[in-house]
Amino acid sequence: MVKSILRLIRYRNLIIVAATMYLMRFFILQPLLQQKGMDLLLSEINFLMLTLATMFITAAGYVINDYFDTRTDLVNRPTTVIVGREISRRVAISLHWILNAIGVIFGIIVSFAIGKPILSLVFILIPGMLWFYSTTYKRQFLLGNIIVATLTAIVPLMPLLFELPKLYDAYWQILIFSPSVFNIVIYWVGGYALFAFWLTLFREIVKDIEDFEGDSEYGRNTLPVALGLSTSRIVAAAILLVTILLLAYLFGAYLNFLPNGQFDFFTFIYLIVALVIPLFYMVIRLLTADCKAHYHTVSTISKLVMLFGILYAIPFALLIR
């Protein structure tokens, strides 16, 4: 039962969610703030609760998605179905509500702790969005894909979102008279969010291509069902090309922050080897794919590329200190 629950909540993905938030906090936000004479102000216990809130709500989203996807998953990937086989539907729906309740409670506690109870809405709206995504939105043309990509992009933004109220309270004079000191922080965190959005949108479309058979059988209006597999491959490839152009733009903008026209060779090489080359390979592999296994390979590589993008935070912190 425990192993089945861990698989159901995608524990590996939850570890990546937690790692992303801690990497954003200690390897992006903290060194950038310290460069400007500022520092993190959200307490460690509050940040831990923020991370747990995000993880619990994400886990609940995975559970409810599998709960409503059982029929199509029996067609698309019958060997991976858990709900209704290893875990009863009643246990699954109960687990969903328990995980959501814990996540919302943690989120509300953190919001009140930083004096911004309005932020509690984040932890109420997102579970609602995940519910409607699983029941309705994912069956609609592109809407479900965009929702998942947006929610993924919010994860690296969370540490900044809940740090901002404290920063404005403590450093309001700096931020009022020299607002540009915060631009690089927004640039880096926003860059991670944009990268996560486009790569997740790509992966969601590839998964829809992979699941074409089941989605078509049950009348889902996904991109491949509506426009066909060939057009969907072209759209997904175009998204990857946009991602590559975005990386080039972000790197160029990053160079403008470096003093005296310096050039960061390490970041350039890392960008090319760990991100750009795999992205180009994925474009080629996607356009030449002719079976589900090929699409699954592309989807797996996209997860690795996102992981390498997140892990760049570690050398980045060492480079700017």
Foldseek 3Di string as FASTA:
>chain_A
DVVLLCLQLVVVVLVVLLLLQVLLQPLQPALLQVVVVHGFDQDPVLSVLLSLLLSLLSSLLSLLLLLLCVQLCCVQPVVSRCDPPVHDSVRSVVSSVVSLVSSLVSQCVSCVVLPHNVSSVVSVVSSVVSNCLSVPQVLDELRSLQNVLQSQLCSLVSNVVSRVSVCCVVPVVCCVVPVVSCVVSCLVSNLLSVLSSLLSSLLVLLVCLSSVVSSCVVNRPYPCNPPNLQVSLVVSLVSLVVSLVSVVVSQVVVQVPDPPSDHDVVVVVLCVVLAVVLSVVLNVLSNPDDHSVSSVVSSVSSVSSSVSVSVVSNVSSVVSD
